[in-house]
Amino acid sequence: MKDVDLLIIGSGPAGCSTALHLAHLDPALARRTVILEKSEHPRHKLCGGGLVSDVDTILDNLGLDLSEVPQVDAQWACLNFAGRGLRMKLRDIAFHVVRRREFDHWLAARVRDCGVELQTRTQVDDLRRVDGGWLVETNRGSYRARVVVGADGTKGITRRTIAGDAGSVARVVEVMIPPPHAPSPDPLPSDDEAVFEFRHVPAGVQGYFWSFPMQIEGRAMRNLGVYDSRTLGDAPLAGSLKGFLADELTRHGVRLADCKMEGHPIHLFSPHSVLSAPHIVLAGDAAGVDPLLGEGISLALGYGELAARAVIKGLHNNNLDFADYTRDVHASPMGRSLRFRHRAASVIYRLQHPFLQRLVWWHLRPIMQNFIHRVVFNWARPDALPPTPMRRQLDADADADAAA
């Protein structure tokens, strides 16, 4: 059995962000931290891959260069009902689009650069309370941790252990296709546009159809899917997500039978979500993502900073009940944005009459654009953290090389 101060379960954006913020805020603790990952990077991960402006801000604060990751810029985001709505940017562009296997692999490499131990191919089989922490049983041995950060996603063991199956779970189906060249009744957007289409809300879909530009090994592709938040519970749905996706693909001249469809659940944020227990905090999808748009990558990075600060504070004060963690999450700029998104989803997806959806996306465009720009996104604040010892050494070496 190995004793550690901090065990992070999961090396997606939330787990890596926790480790990276630890490396900047408390390098000594980072060196006593272990991350467990059940897979090996790069690994397959279903996701639309949209990186909004808050991702840029958080990574800039950490001194990381996102341009190192292959990406496509969606210059415009179009939020439509029946092909008409608002067209907007968040800053200079709408957002970047990446493949999660490449983005997560890059983050994991940056974690290892900071000297944090990342152990892959390690499946957590059991998690139980012991005096002074948690006993974590894996396929590669046991760990006794004073603190656990649960960043193992919607279906991870940490959330089930402290919160059970409580909370709303959204559903997603998606495909990736090359842009079709055959004429179609409704051609796909241009290469620099991302579309969110809410035409299926009247049929009971509590979400939208999306179409994002992306690249796979330098080849232009489109990521298309349907997001159904289930924010309103099991309200009637006039069809299936597969059927709605097939309808949209047909509209664009593509047959679903010619595509590889994949699906996955997403645990949603709620103001009533359980985010902590003694000696354990949740981050990322395990804590809950945006119910309005299903956006989770920027939130995962934001949760990572909050989790890192909570762990440092708790270990410093020798108070590891984390009773204040939920309050601190809700009081943060990210938490305030999440609470607004939760309320907005409850309202917008309740408006199922086509007239009401037209009202939201056609006639209230200035209001919706301002809400999305100022409340939903752009919550992260530029605030450069102290450089890591590794970064200081690299800068010193670069200065010495320049002087020579």
Protein backbone atom coordinates (compact mmCIF):
# COMPACT_ATOMS: atom_id res chain seq x y z
CA MET A 1 0.00 0.00 0.00
CA LYS A 2 1.19 3.49 -0.88
CA ASP A 3 0.41 6.52 1.30
CA VAL A 4 -0.09 9.84 -0.48
CA ASP A 5 -1.28 13.27 0.57
CA LEU A 6 -3.40 13.77 -2.55
CA LEU A 7 -4.81 11.32 -5.05
CA ILE A 8 -6.47 12.66 -8.21
CA ILE A 9 -8.68 10.13 -9.96
CA GLY A 10 -8.91 10.94 -13.66
CA SER A 11 -6.54 12.80 -15.99
CA GLY A 12 -8.98 14.66 -18.20
CA PRO A 13 -9.10 18.48 -18.15
CA ALA A 14 -10.38 18.62 -14.54
CA GLY A 15 -7.75 16.28 -13.11
CA CYS A 16 -4.93 17.84 -15.11
CA SER A 17 -6.08 21.35 -14.22
CA THR A 18 -6.04 20.43 -10.52
CA ALA A 19 -2.47 19.16 -10.84
CA LEU A 20 -1.29 22.14 -12.91
CA HIS A 21 -2.73 24.64 -10.43
CA LEU A 22 -1.14 22.71 -7.57
CA ALA A 23 2.21 22.93 -9.34
CA HIS A 24 1.90 26.72 -9.48
CA LEU A 25 0.41 27.29 -6.03
CA ASP A 26 2.17 24.60 -3.95
CA PRO A 27 4.92 22.77 -5.88
CA ALA A 28 5.87 20.68 -2.84
CA LEU A 29 2.34 19.29 -2.58
CA ALA A 30 2.27 18.64 -6.32
CA ARG A 31 5.32 16.41 -5.92
CA ARG A 32 3.41 14.40 -3.29
CA THR A 33 0.41 13.98 -5.59
CA VAL A 34 -0.49 10.98 -7.73
CA ILE A 35 -2.97 10.96 -10.63
CA LEU A 36 -4.64 7.69 -11.57
CA GLU A 37 -5.91 7.25 -15.14
CA LYS A 38 -7.66 4.09 -16.33
CA SER A 39 -6.58 4.56 -19.96
CA GLU A 40 -3.40 5.59 -21.76
CA HIS A 41 -2.99 8.96 -23.45
CA PRO A 42 -3.88 9.69 -26.17
CA ARG A 43 -7.25 8.04 -25.61
CA HIS A 44 -10.59 8.25 -27.38
CA LYS A 45 -13.02 10.74 -25.87
CA LEU A 46 -16.43 11.73 -27.22
CA CYS A 47 -16.92 15.48 -27.14
CA GLY A 48 -17.81 18.37 -29.43
CA GLY A 49 -14.37 19.76 -28.60
CA GLY A 50 -15.33 23.43 -28.34
CA LEU A 51 -12.82 25.55 -26.38
CA VAL A 52 -14.44 28.87 -25.47
CA SER A 53 -12.63 32.04 -24.46
CA ASP A 54 -12.46 31.03 -20.79
CA VAL A 55 -10.18 28.14 -21.76
CA ASP A 56 -7.73 30.61 -23.33
CA THR A 57 -7.78 32.73 -20.17
CA ILE A 58 -7.17 29.85 -17.75
CA LEU A 59 -4.39 28.35 -19.84
CA ASP A 60 -2.78 31.79 -20.29
CA ASN A 61 -2.85 32.19 -16.50
CA LEU A 62 -0.97 28.89 -16.24
CA GLY A 63 1.60 29.99 -18.82
CA LEU A 64 0.48 27.33 -21.31
CA ASP A 65 0.35 27.80 -25.07
CA LEU A 66 -2.87 26.40 -26.54
CA SER A 67 -1.53 26.86 -30.07
CA GLU A 68 0.54 23.72 -29.48
CA VAL A 69 -2.67 21.69 -29.87
CA PRO A 70 -4.05 21.05 -33.39
CA GLN A 71 -7.25 23.06 -33.70
CA VAL A 72 -9.74 24.77 -35.98
CA ASP A 73 -11.14 28.21 -35.25
CA ALA A 74 -14.89 28.61 -35.54
CA GLN A 75 -15.01 32.31 -36.36
CA TRP A 76 -18.76 32.54 -35.83
CA ALA A 77 -21.30 30.78 -33.63
CA CYS A 78 -24.84 30.71 -35.04
CA LEU A 79 -27.65 30.01 -32.56
CA ASN A 80 -30.73 29.35 -34.65
CA PHE A 81 -34.31 28.21 -34.65
CA ALA A 82 -35.29 26.76 -38.03
CA GLY A 83 -32.24 28.22 -39.73
CA ARG A 84 -32.52 31.76 -38.41
CA GLY A 85 -31.21 33.43 -35.28
CA LEU A 86 -28.13 35.22 -33.99
CA ARG A 87 -24.56 35.08 -35.28
CA MET A 88 -21.87 36.06 -32.78
CA LYS A 89 -18.30 35.87 -31.54
CA LEU A 90 -17.12 35.57 -27.95
CA ARG A 91 -13.91 37.51 -28.46
CA ASP A 92 -11.92 37.63 -31.69
CA ILE A 93 -13.56 34.34 -32.71
CA ALA A 94 -16.43 32.21 -31.45
CA PHE A 95 -14.28 29.34 -30.13
CA HIS A 96 -11.57 26.82 -31.01
CA VAL A 97 -12.43 23.21 -31.88
CA VAL A 98 -10.05 20.40 -30.90
CA ARG A 99 -10.07 16.64 -30.74
CA ARG A 100 -10.22 15.64 -27.11
CA ARG A 101 -7.69 12.85 -27.56
CA GLU A 102 -5.13 15.47 -28.64
CA PHE A 103 -6.09 18.16 -26.14
CA ASP A 104 -6.14 15.79 -23.15
CA HIS A 105 -2.85 14.20 -24.24
CA TRP A 106 -1.26 17.65 -24.38
CA LEU A 107 -2.56 18.54 -20.90
CA ALA A 108 -1.27 15.26 -19.47
CA ALA A 109 2.17 15.96 -20.94
CA ARG A 110 2.20 19.40 -19.28
CA VAL A 111 1.32 17.73 -15.96
CA ARG A 112 4.25 15.38 -16.27
CA ASP A 113 6.48 18.37 -17.14
CA CYS A 114 5.59 19.78 -13.71
CA GLY A 115 6.83 16.64 -11.96
CA VAL A 116 3.42 15.28 -10.98
CA GLU A 117 3.20 11.49 -11.04
CA LEU A 118 0.62 10.30 -13.58
CA GLN A 119 -0.03 6.57 -13.49
CA THR A 120 -1.99 5.29 -16.50
CA ARG A 121 -3.74 1.97 -17.07
CA THR A 122 -4.90 2.10 -13.47
CA GLN A 123 -8.55 1.23 -12.89
CA VAL A 124 -10.06 2.23 -9.54
CA ASP A 125 -12.08 -0.74 -8.31
CA ASP A 126 -13.11 0.41 -4.85
CA LEU A 127 -13.14 3.59 -2.78
CA ARG A 128 -13.95 3.59 0.92
CA ARG A 129 -13.50 5.79 3.96
CA VAL A 130 -10.80 5.00 6.50
CA ASP A 131 -9.47 6.97 9.45
CA GLY A 132 -7.81 10.10 8.13
CA GLY A 133 -8.75 9.70 4.48
CA TRP A 134 -9.73 7.21 1.80
CA LEU A 135 -8.55 3.74 0.84
CA VAL A 136 -8.43 3.39 -2.94
CA GLU A 137 -8.16 -0.10 -4.42
CA THR A 138 -6.92 -0.38 -8.01
CA ASN A 139 -5.86 -3.10 -10.42
CA ARG A 140 -2.26 -2.05 -9.67
CA GLY A 141 -2.32 -1.91 -5.90
CA SER A 142 -3.79 0.11 -3.05
CA TYR A 143 -3.45 3.74 -2.01
CA ARG A 144 -4.29 5.46 1.24
CA ALA A 145 -4.89 9.15 0.54
CA ARG A 146 -5.50 12.01 2.94
CA VAL A 147 -7.44 13.75 0.16
CA VAL A 148 -9.06 12.53 -3.06
CA VAL A 149 -10.07 14.75 -5.97
CA GLY A 150 -12.72 12.98 -8.02
CA ALA A 151 -12.18 13.99 -11.64
CA ASP A 152 -13.28 10.69 -13.17
CA GLY A 153 -16.34 11.93 -15.02
CA THR A 154 -20.04 11.23 -15.15
CA LYS A 155 -19.75 7.47 -14.64
CA GLY A 156 -16.79 7.63 -12.25
CA ILE A 157 -16.65 5.91 -8.91
CA THR A 158 -16.07 9.06 -6.85
CA ARG A 159 -19.42 10.71 -7.62
CA ARG A 160 -21.29 7.46 -7.09
CA THR A 161 -19.56 6.98 -3.76
CA ILE A 162 -20.47 10.33 -2.22
CA ALA A 163 -23.60 11.32 -4.15
CA GLY A 164 -25.10 8.13 -5.54
CA ASP A 165 -27.02 8.51 -8.79
CA ALA A 166 -28.62 11.84 -7.86
CA GLY A 167 -28.75 14.62 -10.43
CA SER A 168 -29.79 15.15 -14.03
CA VAL A 169 -27.95 13.34 -16.79
CA ALA A 170 -27.98 14.72 -20.33
CA ARG A 171 -27.71 12.54 -23.43
CA VAL A 172 -25.58 13.12 -26.49
CA VAL A 173 -25.24 11.37 -29.86
CA GLU A 174 -22.68 12.47 -32.44
CA VAL A 175 -20.94 11.64 -35.70
CA MET A 176 -17.87 12.95 -37.51
CA ILE A 177 -18.01 13.25 -41.28
CA PRO A 178 -16.11 14.91 -44.11
CA PRO A 179 -17.99 17.91 -45.54
CA PRO A 180 -20.35 16.46 -48.20
CA HIS A 181 -19.94 17.75 -51.73
CA ALA A 182 -23.31 16.63 -53.13
CA PRO A 183 -26.07 19.25 -53.34
CA SER A 184 -28.51 19.17 -50.40
CA PRO A 185 -31.66 21.03 -49.34
CA ASP A 186 -29.77 22.64 -46.44
CA PRO A 187 -25.99 22.75 -47.04
CA LEU A 188 -23.66 22.53 -44.04
CA PRO A 189 -22.26 25.83 -42.73
CA SER A 190 -19.04 27.28 -44.06
CA ASP A 191 -15.75 26.05 -42.63
CA ASP A 192 -15.51 28.97 -40.20
CA GLU A 193 -19.01 28.62 -38.68
CA ALA A 194 -20.38 26.57 -35.80
CA VAL A 195 -24.13 26.09 -35.61
CA PHE A 196 -26.45 25.41 -32.68
CA GLU A 197 -29.92 24.60 -34.06
CA PHE A 198 -32.88 24.54 -31.65
CA ARG A 199 -35.55 23.43 -34.16
CA HIS A 200 -36.28 20.21 -32.24
CA VAL A 201 -37.20 21.86 -28.91
CA PRO A 202 -40.92 21.77 -29.82
CA ALA A 203 -40.56 17.99 -30.24
CA GLY A 204 -39.28 17.69 -26.67
CA VAL A 205 -35.51 17.90 -27.21
CA GLN A 206 -34.18 19.96 -24.32
CA GLY A 207 -31.17 21.05 -26.29
CA TYR A 208 -30.02 21.44 -29.87
CA PHE A 209 -28.38 19.98 -32.96
CA TRP A 210 -24.80 21.12 -33.44
CA SER A 211 -22.40 21.29 -36.39
CA PHE A 212 -18.76 22.22 -35.67
CA PRO A 213 -15.80 22.45 -38.04
CA MET A 214 -12.83 20.31 -37.07
CA GLN A 215 -9.77 18.52 -38.43
CA ILE A 216 -8.55 14.95 -38.15
CA GLU A 217 -4.92 14.54 -39.14
CA GLY A 218 -5.10 17.65 -41.29
CA ARG A 219 -8.32 16.62 -43.03
CA ALA A 220 -11.34 18.95 -42.85
CA MET A 221 -14.26 17.31 -41.03
CA ARG A 222 -17.53 18.25 -39.36
CA ASN A 223 -18.60 17.15 -35.88
CA LEU A 224 -22.40 16.87 -35.77
CA GLY A 225 -24.64 15.76 -32.95
CA VAL A 226 -27.72 16.22 -30.81
CA TYR A 227 -27.59 17.35 -27.18
CA ASP A 228 -30.61 16.70 -24.93
CA SER A 229 -30.13 18.13 -21.46
CA ARG A 230 -33.14 16.44 -19.80
CA THR A 231 -33.14 19.52 -17.53
CA LEU A 232 -36.91 19.16 -17.11
CA GLY A 233 -36.67 15.47 -16.28
CA ASP A 234 -38.39 12.83 -18.36
CA ALA A 235 -40.65 15.21 -20.29
CA PRO A 236 -42.18 13.59 -23.40
CA LEU A 237 -39.91 13.31 -26.41
CA ALA A 238 -41.57 12.93 -29.83
CA GLY A 239 -38.95 10.61 -31.26
CA SER A 240 -35.41 9.49 -30.46
CA LEU A 241 -32.10 11.33 -30.47
CA LYS A 242 -30.95 8.96 -33.20
CA GLY A 243 -34.00 9.89 -35.24
CA PHE A 244 -33.45 13.63 -34.77
CA LEU A 245 -29.80 13.24 -35.77
CA ALA A 246 -30.82 11.23 -38.84
CA ASP A 247 -33.28 13.99 -39.82
CA GLU A 248 -30.57 16.66 -39.58
CA LEU A 249 -28.08 14.60 -41.55
CA THR A 250 -30.67 13.97 -44.25
CA ARG A 251 -31.33 17.70 -44.39
CA HIS A 252 -27.63 18.14 -45.17
CA GLY A 253 -27.49 15.33 -47.74
CA VAL A 254 -25.92 12.68 -45.50
CA ARG A 255 -27.28 9.25 -44.49
CA LEU A 256 -26.86 8.22 -40.85
CA ALA A 257 -26.36 4.64 -42.05
CA ASP A 258 -23.11 5.79 -43.67
CA CYS A 259 -21.79 7.28 -40.40
CA LYS A 260 -20.45 5.90 -37.17
CA MET A 261 -22.73 7.19 -34.43
CA GLU A 262 -21.58 7.27 -30.81
CA GLY A 263 -23.33 8.42 -27.67
CA HIS A 264 -22.58 9.21 -24.06
CA PRO A 265 -24.20 10.63 -20.90
CA ILE A 266 -23.21 13.93 -19.23
CA HIS A 267 -23.80 14.69 -15.55
CA LEU A 268 -25.24 18.21 -15.24
CA PHE A 269 -24.58 20.88 -12.64
CA SER A 270 -27.37 21.68 -10.22
CA PRO A 271 -27.38 24.17 -7.33
CA HIS A 272 -28.27 21.15 -5.18
CA SER A 273 -25.44 18.90 -6.38
CA VAL A 274 -23.25 17.20 -3.77
CA LEU A 275 -19.71 18.38 -4.53
CA SER A 276 -17.73 17.20 -1.51
CA ALA A 277 -17.50 14.97 1.54
CA PRO A 278 -14.83 14.70 4.25
CA HIS A 279 -11.44 14.25 2.57
CA ILE A 280 -12.88 14.33 -0.98
CA VAL A 281 -13.95 16.95 -3.54
CA LEU A 282 -15.41 16.57 -7.03
CA ALA A 283 -14.28 18.40 -10.16
CA GLY A 284 -15.24 18.51 -13.83
CA ASP A 285 -17.98 16.24 -15.16
CA ALA A 286 -18.16 14.48 -11.79
CA ALA A 287 -19.25 17.79 -10.27
CA GLY A 288 -21.49 18.77 -13.18
CA VAL A 289 -21.36 20.59 -16.51
CA ASP A 290 -23.43 23.37 -18.07
CA PRO A 291 -27.12 22.37 -18.44
CA LEU A 292 -27.84 25.05 -21.06
CA LEU A 293 -25.32 24.12 -23.77
CA GLY A 294 -23.57 21.08 -22.32
CA GLU A 295 -20.25 22.96 -22.32
CA GLY A 296 -17.76 21.37 -19.99
CA ILE A 297 -14.09 21.89 -20.90
CA SER A 298 -13.71 25.43 -19.57
CA LEU A 299 -15.65 24.41 -16.46
CA ALA A 300 -13.39 21.40 -15.93
CA LEU A 301 -10.36 23.70 -15.97
CA GLY A 302 -12.14 26.11 -13.61
CA TYR A 303 -13.10 23.33 -11.21
CA GLY A 304 -9.44 22.28 -11.21
CA GLU A 305 -8.29 25.61 -9.82
CA LEU A 306 -11.02 25.64 -7.17
CA ALA A 307 -10.22 22.05 -6.15
CA ALA A 308 -6.49 22.81 -5.93
CA ARG A 309 -7.10 25.86 -3.73
CA ALA A 310 -9.48 23.91 -1.49
CA VAL A 311 -7.00 21.06 -1.02
CA ILE A 312 -4.10 23.42 -0.25
CA LYS A 313 -6.21 25.35 2.26
CA GLY A 314 -7.51 22.16 3.88
CA LEU A 315 -4.09 20.57 4.29
CA HIS A 316 -2.57 23.83 5.56
CA ASN A 317 -5.30 24.25 8.18
CA ASN A 318 -5.54 20.51 8.91
CA ASN A 319 -9.27 20.73 8.24
CA LEU A 320 -10.29 18.30 5.53
CA ASP A 321 -14.07 18.20 5.90
CA PHE A 322 -14.40 20.48 2.82
CA ALA A 323 -17.69 21.78 4.17
CA ASP A 324 -17.10 25.10 2.39
CA TYR A 325 -16.20 23.69 -1.03
CA THR A 326 -19.72 23.80 -2.49
CA ARG A 327 -20.19 27.35 -1.22
CA ASP A 328 -16.85 28.40 -2.71
CA VAL A 329 -17.74 26.86 -6.08
CA HIS A 330 -21.11 28.62 -6.14
CA ALA A 331 -19.57 31.95 -5.10
CA SER A 332 -16.87 31.84 -7.78
CA PRO A 333 -17.34 33.58 -11.15
CA MET A 334 -17.60 30.13 -12.73
CA GLY A 335 -20.21 29.05 -10.19
CA ARG A 336 -22.31 32.15 -10.74
CA SER A 337 -22.22 31.49 -14.48
CA LEU A 338 -23.28 27.88 -13.90
CA ARG A 339 -26.22 28.92 -11.73
CA PHE A 340 -27.41 31.36 -14.40
CA ARG A 341 -27.05 28.65 -17.06
CA HIS A 342 -29.09 26.25 -14.92
CA ARG A 343 -31.92 28.80 -14.64
CA ALA A 344 -31.76 29.68 -18.34
CA ALA A 345 -31.98 26.01 -19.36
CA SER A 346 -35.03 25.54 -17.16
CA VAL A 347 -36.73 28.46 -18.92
CA ILE A 348 -35.63 28.10 -22.55
CA TYR A 349 -36.30 24.36 -22.84
CA ARG A 350 -39.72 24.81 -21.25
CA LEU A 351 -40.71 27.11 -24.14
CA GLN A 352 -41.73 24.33 -26.52
CA HIS A 353 -44.16 26.22 -28.74
CA PRO A 354 -42.47 27.23 -32.02
CA PHE A 355 -43.66 30.82 -31.54
CA LEU A 356 -41.77 31.04 -28.22
CA GLN A 357 -38.58 29.61 -29.69
CA ARG A 358 -38.81 32.10 -32.55
CA LEU A 359 -39.27 34.84 -29.97
CA VAL A 360 -36.08 33.80 -28.13
CA TRP A 361 -33.77 33.29 -31.11
CA TRP A 362 -35.24 35.67 -33.70
CA HIS A 363 -36.70 38.64 -31.86
CA LEU A 364 -34.66 38.76 -28.64
CA ARG A 365 -31.28 38.49 -30.37
CA PRO A 366 -29.62 41.48 -28.65
CA ILE A 367 -30.70 40.23 -25.22
CA MET A 368 -29.58 36.65 -25.89
CA GLN A 369 -26.27 37.78 -27.37
CA ASN A 370 -25.54 39.96 -24.34
CA PHE A 371 -26.52 37.14 -21.96
CA ILE A 372 -24.31 34.59 -23.72
CA HIS A 373 -21.35 36.96 -23.98
CA ARG A 374 -21.48 38.43 -20.47
CA VAL A 375 -23.08 35.75 -18.31
CA VAL A 376 -22.64 32.33 -19.91
CA PHE A 377 -19.05 32.83 -21.07
CA ASN A 378 -16.11 35.15 -20.34
CA TRP A 379 -16.27 34.45 -16.61
CA ALA A 380 -12.57 33.55 -16.24
CA ARG A 381 -10.38 36.45 -15.14
CA PRO A 382 -6.81 37.09 -16.36
CA ASP A 383 -4.67 36.58 -13.28
CA ALA A 384 -1.24 35.10 -13.98
CA LEU A 385 -0.24 32.62 -11.30
CA PRO A 386 3.31 32.44 -9.96
CA PRO A 387 5.61 30.51 -12.35
CA THR A 388 6.54 26.95 -11.46
CA PRO A 389 10.13 26.19 -10.43
CA MET A 390 10.47 24.26 -13.68
CA ARG A 391 9.37 27.30 -15.71
CA ARG A 392 11.74 29.60 -13.77
CA GLN A 393 14.60 27.23 -14.53
CA LEU A 394 13.69 27.08 -18.20
CA ASP A 395 13.52 30.90 -18.36
CA ALA A 396 16.90 31.16 -16.61
CA ASP A 397 18.44 28.68 -19.04
CA ALA A 398 16.99 30.59 -21.98
CA ASP A 399 18.43 33.87 -20.62
CA ALA A 400 21.84 32.25 -20.15
CA ASP A 401 21.75 30.89 -23.70
CA ALA A 402 20.81 34.31 -25.04
CA ALA A 403 23.65 36.00 -23.10
CA ALA A 404 26.13 33.44 -24.42
